[in-house]
């Protein structure tokens, strides 16, 4: 079974405040599992979610 991250662990890994993680779970904009009343996060779900958030650079912009 895959290890589940707590809010504190995920916030530390992403460099975000715990409040931000809680806001995203309330808004359901981040994948999570609820165990009792506590959200937990599968590392694989978070990795996939992060990949979906990637913004690709636009070609032909400044710096060329």
PDB file of N, CA and C in Angstrom:
ATOM      1  N   UNK A   1       0.838  -1.178   0.000  1.00  0.00           N
ATOM      2  CA  UNK A   1       0.000   0.000   0.000  1.00  0.00           C
ATOM      3  C   UNK A   1       0.885   1.244   0.000  1.00  0.00           C
ATOM      4  N   UNK A   2       0.458   2.213  -0.750  1.00  0.00           N
ATOM      5  CA  UNK A   2       1.197   3.465  -0.872  1.00  0.00           C
ATOM      6  C   UNK A   2       1.064   4.305   0.410  1.00  0.00           C
ATOM      7  N   UNK A   3       2.159   4.917   0.794  1.00  0.00           N
ATOM      8  CA  UNK A   3       2.176   5.783   1.974  1.00  0.00           C
ATOM      9  C   UNK A   3       1.366   7.042   1.705  1.00  0.00           C
ATOM     10  N   UNK A   4       0.609   7.467   2.697  1.00  0.00           N
ATOM     11  CA  UNK A   4      -0.193   8.683   2.578  1.00  0.00           C
ATOM     12  C   UNK A   4       0.485   9.821   3.326  1.00  0.00           C
ATOM     13  N   UNK A   5       0.481  11.002   2.719  1.00  0.00           N
ATOM     14  CA  UNK A   5       1.079  12.185   3.329  1.00  0.00           C
ATOM     15  C   UNK A   5       0.031  12.956   4.127  1.00  0.00           C
ATOM     16  N   UNK A   6       0.461  13.548   5.217  1.00  0.00           N
ATOM     17  CA  UNK A   6      -0.407  14.426   5.990  1.00  0.00           C
ATOM     18  C   UNK A   6      -0.368  15.822   5.371  1.00  0.00           C
ATOM     19  N   UNK A   7      -1.229  16.698   5.855  1.00  0.00           N
ATOM     20  CA  UNK A   7      -1.230  18.087   5.399  1.00  0.00           C
ATOM     21  C   UNK A   7       0.134  18.725   5.662  1.00  0.00           C
ATOM     22  N   UNK A   8       0.678  18.509   6.841  1.00  0.00           N
ATOM     23  CA  UNK A   8       1.978  19.087   7.198  1.00  0.00           C
ATOM     24  C   UNK A   8       3.076  18.587   6.276  1.00  0.00           C
ATOM     25  N   UNK A   9       3.109  17.284   6.024  1.00  0.00           N
ATOM     26  CA  UNK A   9       4.134  16.708   5.145  1.00  0.00           C
ATOM     27  C   UNK A   9       4.013  17.260   3.725  1.00  0.00           C
ATOM     28  N   UNK A  10       2.784  17.347   3.217  1.00  0.00           N
ATOM     29  CA  UNK A  10       2.590  17.856   1.864  1.00  0.00           C
ATOM     30  C   UNK A  10       2.957  19.331   1.772  1.00  0.00           C
ATOM     31  N   UNK A  11       2.559  20.110   2.754  1.00  0.00           N
ATOM     32  CA  UNK A  11       2.894  21.538   2.767  1.00  0.00           C
ATOM     33  C   UNK A  11       4.412  21.725   2.761  1.00  0.00           C
ATOM     34  N   UNK A  12       5.115  20.949   3.559  1.00  0.00           N
ATOM     35  CA  UNK A  12       6.583  21.031   3.593  1.00  0.00           C
ATOM     36  C   UNK A  12       7.191  20.671   2.239  1.00  0.00           C
ATOM     37  N   UNK A  13       6.702  19.616   1.614  1.00  0.00           N
ATOM     38  CA  UNK A  13       7.249  19.174   0.327  1.00  0.00           C
ATOM     39  C   UNK A  13       7.001  20.182  -0.783  1.00  0.00           C
ATOM     40  N   UNK A  14       5.835  20.837  -0.733  1.00  0.00           N
ATOM     41  CA  UNK A  14       5.491  21.782  -1.796  1.00  0.00           C
ATOM     42  C   UNK A  14       5.917  23.208  -1.477  1.00  0.00           C
ATOM     43  N   UNK A  15       6.363  23.434  -0.249  1.00  0.00           N
ATOM     44  CA  UNK A  15       6.767  24.773   0.148  1.00  0.00           C
ATOM     45  C   UNK A  15       5.582  25.721   0.278  1.00  0.00           C
ATOM     46  N   UNK A  16       4.463  25.178   0.722  1.00  0.00           N
ATOM     47  CA  UNK A  16       3.243  25.963   0.896  1.00  0.00           C
ATOM     48  C   UNK A  16       2.841  25.972   2.360  1.00  0.00           C
ATOM     49  N   UNK A  17       1.995  26.921   2.713  1.00  0.00           N
ATOM     50  CA  UNK A  17       1.448  26.958   4.069  1.00  0.00           C
ATOM     51  C   UNK A  17       0.396  25.850   4.215  1.00  0.00           C
ATOM     52  N   UNK A  18       0.263  25.333   5.429  1.00  0.00           N
ATOM     53  CA  UNK A  18      -0.767  24.320   5.678  1.00  0.00           C
ATOM     54  C   UNK A  18      -2.145  24.869   5.334  1.00  0.00           C
ATOM     55  N   UNK A  19      -2.371  26.154   5.607  1.00  0.00           N
ATOM     56  CA  UNK A  19      -3.663  26.769   5.303  1.00  0.00           C
ATOM     57  C   UNK A  19      -3.980  26.680   3.814  1.00  0.00           C
ATOM     58  N   UNK A  20      -2.964  26.805   2.977  1.00  0.00           N
ATOM     59  CA  UNK A  20      -3.160  26.701   1.531  1.00  0.00           C
ATOM     60  C   UNK A  20      -3.609  25.302   1.149  1.00  0.00           C
ATOM     61  N   UNK A  21      -3.011  24.302   1.762  1.00  0.00           N
ATOM     62  CA  UNK A  21      -3.400  22.914   1.487  1.00  0.00           C
ATOM     63  C   UNK A  21      -4.843  22.691   1.924  1.00  0.00           C
ATOM     64  N   UNK A  22      -5.207  23.180   3.112  1.00  0.00           N
ATOM     65  CA  UNK A  22      -6.589  23.036   3.578  1.00  0.00           C
ATOM     66  C   UNK A  22      -7.564  23.755   2.648  1.00  0.00           C
ATOM     67  N   UNK A  23      -7.211  24.942   2.168  1.00  0.00           N
ATOM     68  CA  UNK A  23      -8.089  25.672   1.244  1.00  0.00           C
ATOM     69  C   UNK A  23      -8.292  24.884  -0.039  1.00  0.00           C
ATOM     70  N   UNK A  24      -7.214  24.275  -0.537  1.00  0.00           N
ATOM     71  CA  UNK A  24      -7.323  23.505  -1.776  1.00  0.00           C
ATOM     72  C   UNK A  24      -8.155  22.242  -1.583  1.00  0.00           C
ATOM     73  N   UNK A  25      -8.088  21.632  -0.399  1.00  0.00           N
ATOM     74  CA  UNK A  25      -8.936  20.454  -0.170  1.00  0.00           C
ATOM     75  C   UNK A  25     -10.403  20.878  -0.059  1.00  0.00           C
ATOM     76  N   UNK A  26     -10.669  21.995   0.603  1.00  0.00           N
ATOM     77  CA  UNK A  26     -12.051  22.483   0.718  1.00  0.00           C
ATOM     78  C   UNK A  26     -12.621  22.831  -0.652  1.00  0.00           C
ATOM     79  N   UNK A  27     -11.786  23.399  -1.509  1.00  0.00           N
ATOM     80  CA  UNK A  27     -12.207  23.770  -2.861  1.00  0.00           C
ATOM     81  C   UNK A  27     -12.155  22.577  -3.812  1.00  0.00           C
ATOM     82  N   UNK A  28     -11.606  21.470  -3.337  1.00  0.00           N
ATOM     83  CA  UNK A  28     -11.438  20.240  -4.130  1.00  0.00           C
ATOM     84  C   UNK A  28     -10.630  20.488  -5.399  1.00  0.00           C
ATOM     85  N   UNK A  29      -9.551  21.267  -5.246  1.00  0.00           N
ATOM     86  CA  UNK A  29      -8.663  21.532  -6.378  1.00  0.00           C
ATOM     87  C   UNK A  29      -7.365  20.742  -6.283  1.00  0.00           C
ATOM     88  N   UNK A  30      -7.264  19.895  -5.286  1.00  0.00           N
ATOM     89  CA  UNK A  30      -6.105  19.025  -5.114  1.00  0.00           C
ATOM     90  C   UNK A  30      -6.642  17.641  -4.744  1.00  0.00           C
ATOM     91  N   UNK A  31      -6.053  16.575  -5.289  1.00  0.00           N
ATOM     92  CA  UNK A  31      -6.568  15.235  -4.982  1.00  0.00           C
ATOM     93  C   UNK A  31      -6.222  14.820  -3.546  1.00  0.00           C
ATOM     94  N   UNK A  32      -7.210  14.281  -2.856  1.00  0.00           N
ATOM     95  CA  UNK A  32      -6.987  13.833  -1.480  1.00  0.00           C
ATOM     96  C   UNK A  32      -7.944  12.712  -1.123  1.00  0.00           C
ATOM     97  N   UNK A  33      -7.622  12.048  -0.032  1.00  0.00           N
ATOM     98  CA  UNK A  33      -8.449  11.001   0.556  1.00  0.00           C
ATOM     99  C   UNK A  33      -8.817  11.486   1.947  1.00  0.00           C
ATOM    100  N   UNK A  34     -10.058  11.334   2.326  1.00  0.00           N
ATOM    101  CA  UNK A  34     -10.462  11.744   3.666  1.00  0.00           C
ATOM    102  C   UNK A  34     -10.528  10.490   4.538  1.00  0.00           C
ATOM    103  N   UNK A  35      -9.761  10.505   5.614  1.00  0.00           N
ATOM    104  CA  UNK A  35      -9.787   9.422   6.590  1.00  0.00           C
ATOM    105  C   UNK A  35     -10.332  10.044   7.868  1.00  0.00           C
ATOM    106  N   UNK A  36     -11.552   9.693   8.188  1.00  0.00           N
ATOM    107  CA  UNK A  36     -12.241  10.395   9.278  1.00  0.00           C
ATOM    108  C   UNK A  36     -12.485  11.813   8.809  1.00  0.00           C
ATOM    109  N   UNK A  37     -11.997  12.774   9.561  1.00  0.00           N
ATOM    110  CA  UNK A  37     -12.149  14.168   9.134  1.00  0.00           C
ATOM    111  C   UNK A  37     -10.814  14.772   8.694  1.00  0.00           C
ATOM    112  N   UNK A  38      -9.825  13.919   8.444  1.00  0.00           N
ATOM    113  CA  UNK A  38      -8.483  14.400   8.083  1.00  0.00           C
ATOM    114  C   UNK A  38      -8.135  14.041   6.646  1.00  0.00           C
ATOM    115  N   UNK A  39      -7.704  15.035   5.880  1.00  0.00           N
ATOM    116  CA  UNK A  39      -7.285  14.735   4.511  1.00  0.00           C
ATOM    117  C   UNK A  39      -5.900  14.096   4.492  1.00  0.00           C
ATOM    118  N   UNK A  40      -5.723  13.145   3.597  1.00  0.00           N
ATOM    119  CA  UNK A  40      -4.431  12.513   3.361  1.00  0.00           C
ATOM    120  C   UNK A  40      -4.209  12.515   1.856  1.00  0.00           C
ATOM    121  N   UNK A  41      -2.954  12.394   1.445  1.00  0.00           N
ATOM    122  CA  UNK A  41      -2.596  12.576   0.053  1.00  0.00           C
ATOM    123  C   UNK A  41      -1.698  11.442  -0.421  1.00  0.00           C
ATOM    124  N   UNK A  42      -2.091  10.789  -1.522  1.00  0.00           N
ATOM    125  CA  UNK A  42      -1.250   9.766  -2.143  1.00  0.00           C
ATOM    126  C   UNK A  42      -0.154  10.485  -2.913  1.00  0.00           C
ATOM    127  N   UNK A  43       1.074  10.045  -2.729  1.00  0.00           N
ATOM    128  CA  UNK A  43       2.191  10.665  -3.441  1.00  0.00           C
ATOM    129  C   UNK A  43       1.987  10.593  -4.958  1.00  0.00           C
ATOM    130  N   UNK A  44       1.485   9.464  -5.454  1.00  0.00           N
ATOM    131  CA  UNK A  44       1.288   9.314  -6.901  1.00  0.00           C
ATOM    132  C   UNK A  44       0.221  10.277  -7.417  1.00  0.00           C
ATOM    133  N   UNK A  45      -0.836  10.497  -6.645  1.00  0.00           N
ATOM    134  CA  UNK A  45      -1.875  11.452  -7.052  1.00  0.00           C
ATOM    135  C   UNK A  45      -1.323  12.870  -7.089  1.00  0.00           C
ATOM    136  N   UNK A  46      -0.504  13.218  -6.100  1.00  0.00           N
ATOM    137  CA  UNK A  46       0.069  14.565  -6.051  1.00  0.00           C
ATOM    138  C   UNK A  46       1.046  14.760  -7.200  1.00  0.00           C
ATOM    139  N   UNK A  47       1.842  13.756  -7.494  1.00  0.00           N
ATOM    140  CA  UNK A  47       2.792  13.861  -8.610  1.00  0.00           C
ATOM    141  C   UNK A  47       2.047  14.066  -9.930  1.00  0.00           C
ATOM    142  N   UNK A  48       0.977  13.298 -10.145  1.00  0.00           N
ATOM    143  CA  UNK A  48       0.175  13.448 -11.360  1.00  0.00           C
ATOM    144  C   UNK A  48      -0.470  14.835 -11.409  1.00  0.00           C
ATOM    145  N   UNK A  49      -1.006  15.300 -10.290  1.00  0.00           N
ATOM    146  CA  UNK A  49      -1.627  16.617 -10.205  1.00  0.00           C
ATOM    147  C   UNK A  49      -0.614  17.722 -10.515  1.00  0.00           C
ATOM    148  N   UNK A  50       0.588  17.601  -9.967  1.00  0.00           N
ATOM    149  CA  UNK A  50       1.628  18.593 -10.248  1.00  0.00           C
ATOM    150  C   UNK A  50       1.978  18.628 -11.731  1.00  0.00           C
ATOM    151  N   UNK A  51       2.070  17.463 -12.357  1.00  0.00           N
ATOM    152  CA  UNK A  51       2.360  17.405 -13.791  1.00  0.00           C
ATOM    153  C   UNK A  51       1.262  18.079 -14.604  1.00  0.00           C
ATOM    154  N   UNK A  52       0.022  17.960 -14.149  1.00  0.00           N
ATOM    155  CA  UNK A  52      -1.099  18.609 -14.831  1.00  0.00           C
ATOM    156  C   UNK A  52      -1.063  20.128 -14.669  1.00  0.00           C
ATOM    157  N   UNK A  53      -0.386  20.614 -13.636  1.00  0.00           N
ATOM    158  CA  UNK A  53      -0.307  22.054 -13.374  1.00  0.00           C
ATOM    159  C   UNK A  53       0.828  22.733 -14.139  1.00  0.00           C
ATOM    160  N   UNK A  54       1.646  21.937 -14.802  1.00  0.00           N
ATOM    161  CA  UNK A  54       2.805  22.475 -15.508  1.00  0.00           C
ATOM    162  C   UNK A  54       2.365  23.387 -16.648  1.00  0.00           C
ATOM    163  N   UNK A  55       2.960  24.561 -16.694  1.00  0.00           N
ATOM    164  CA  UNK A  55       2.704  25.516 -17.775  1.00  0.00           C
ATOM    165  C   UNK A  55       3.911  25.488 -18.697  1.00  0.00           C
ATOM    166  N   UNK A  56       3.666  25.165 -19.942  1.00  0.00           N
ATOM    167  CA  UNK A  56       4.739  25.082 -20.934  1.00  0.00           C
ATOM    168  C   UNK A  56       5.085  26.477 -21.435  1.00  0.00           C
ATOM    169  N   UNK A  57       6.359  26.734 -21.721  1.00  0.00           N
ATOM    170  CA  UNK A  57       6.741  28.035 -22.243  1.00  0.00           C
ATOM    171  C   UNK A  57       6.170  28.257 -23.641  1.00  0.00           C
ATOM    172  N   UNK A  58       5.911  29.508 -23.951  1.00  0.00           N
ATOM    173  CA  UNK A  58       5.410  29.886 -25.258  1.00  0.00           C
ATOM    174  C   UNK A  58       6.609  30.168 -26.158  1.00  0.00           C
ATOM    175  N   UNK A  59       6.652  29.548 -27.324  1.00  0.00           N
ATOM    176  CA  UNK A  59       7.763  29.795 -28.236  1.00  0.00           C
ATOM    177  C   UNK A  59       7.548  31.109 -28.963  1.00  0.00           C
ATOM    178  N   UNK A  60       8.644  31.725 -29.368  1.00  0.00           N
ATOM    179  CA  UNK A  60       8.572  32.972 -30.113  1.00  0.00           C
ATOM    180  C   UNK A  60       8.455  34.205 -29.246  1.00  0.00           C
ATOM    181  N   UNK A  61       8.588  34.033 -27.930  1.00  0.00           N
ATOM    182  CA  UNK A  61       8.497  35.179 -27.027  1.00  0.00           C
ATOM    183  C   UNK A  61       9.826  35.904 -26.923  1.00  0.00           C
ATOM    184  N   UNK A  62       9.902  36.814 -26.017  1.00  0.00           N
ATOM    185  CA  UNK A  62      11.148  37.561 -25.788  1.00  0.00           C
ATOM    186  C   UNK A  62      12.248  36.609 -25.377  1.00  0.00           C
ATOM    187  N   UNK A  63      13.471  37.025 -25.651  1.00  0.00           N
ATOM    188  CA  UNK A  63      14.614  36.199 -25.256  1.00  0.00           C
ATOM    189  C   UNK A  63      15.122  35.331 -26.393  1.00  0.00           C
ATOM    190  N   UNK A  64      14.471  35.383 -27.524  1.00  0.00           N
ATOM    191  CA  UNK A  64      14.919  34.604 -28.690  1.00  0.00           C
ATOM    192  C   UNK A  64      15.790  35.408 -29.562  1.00  0.00           C
TER     193      UNK A  64
END
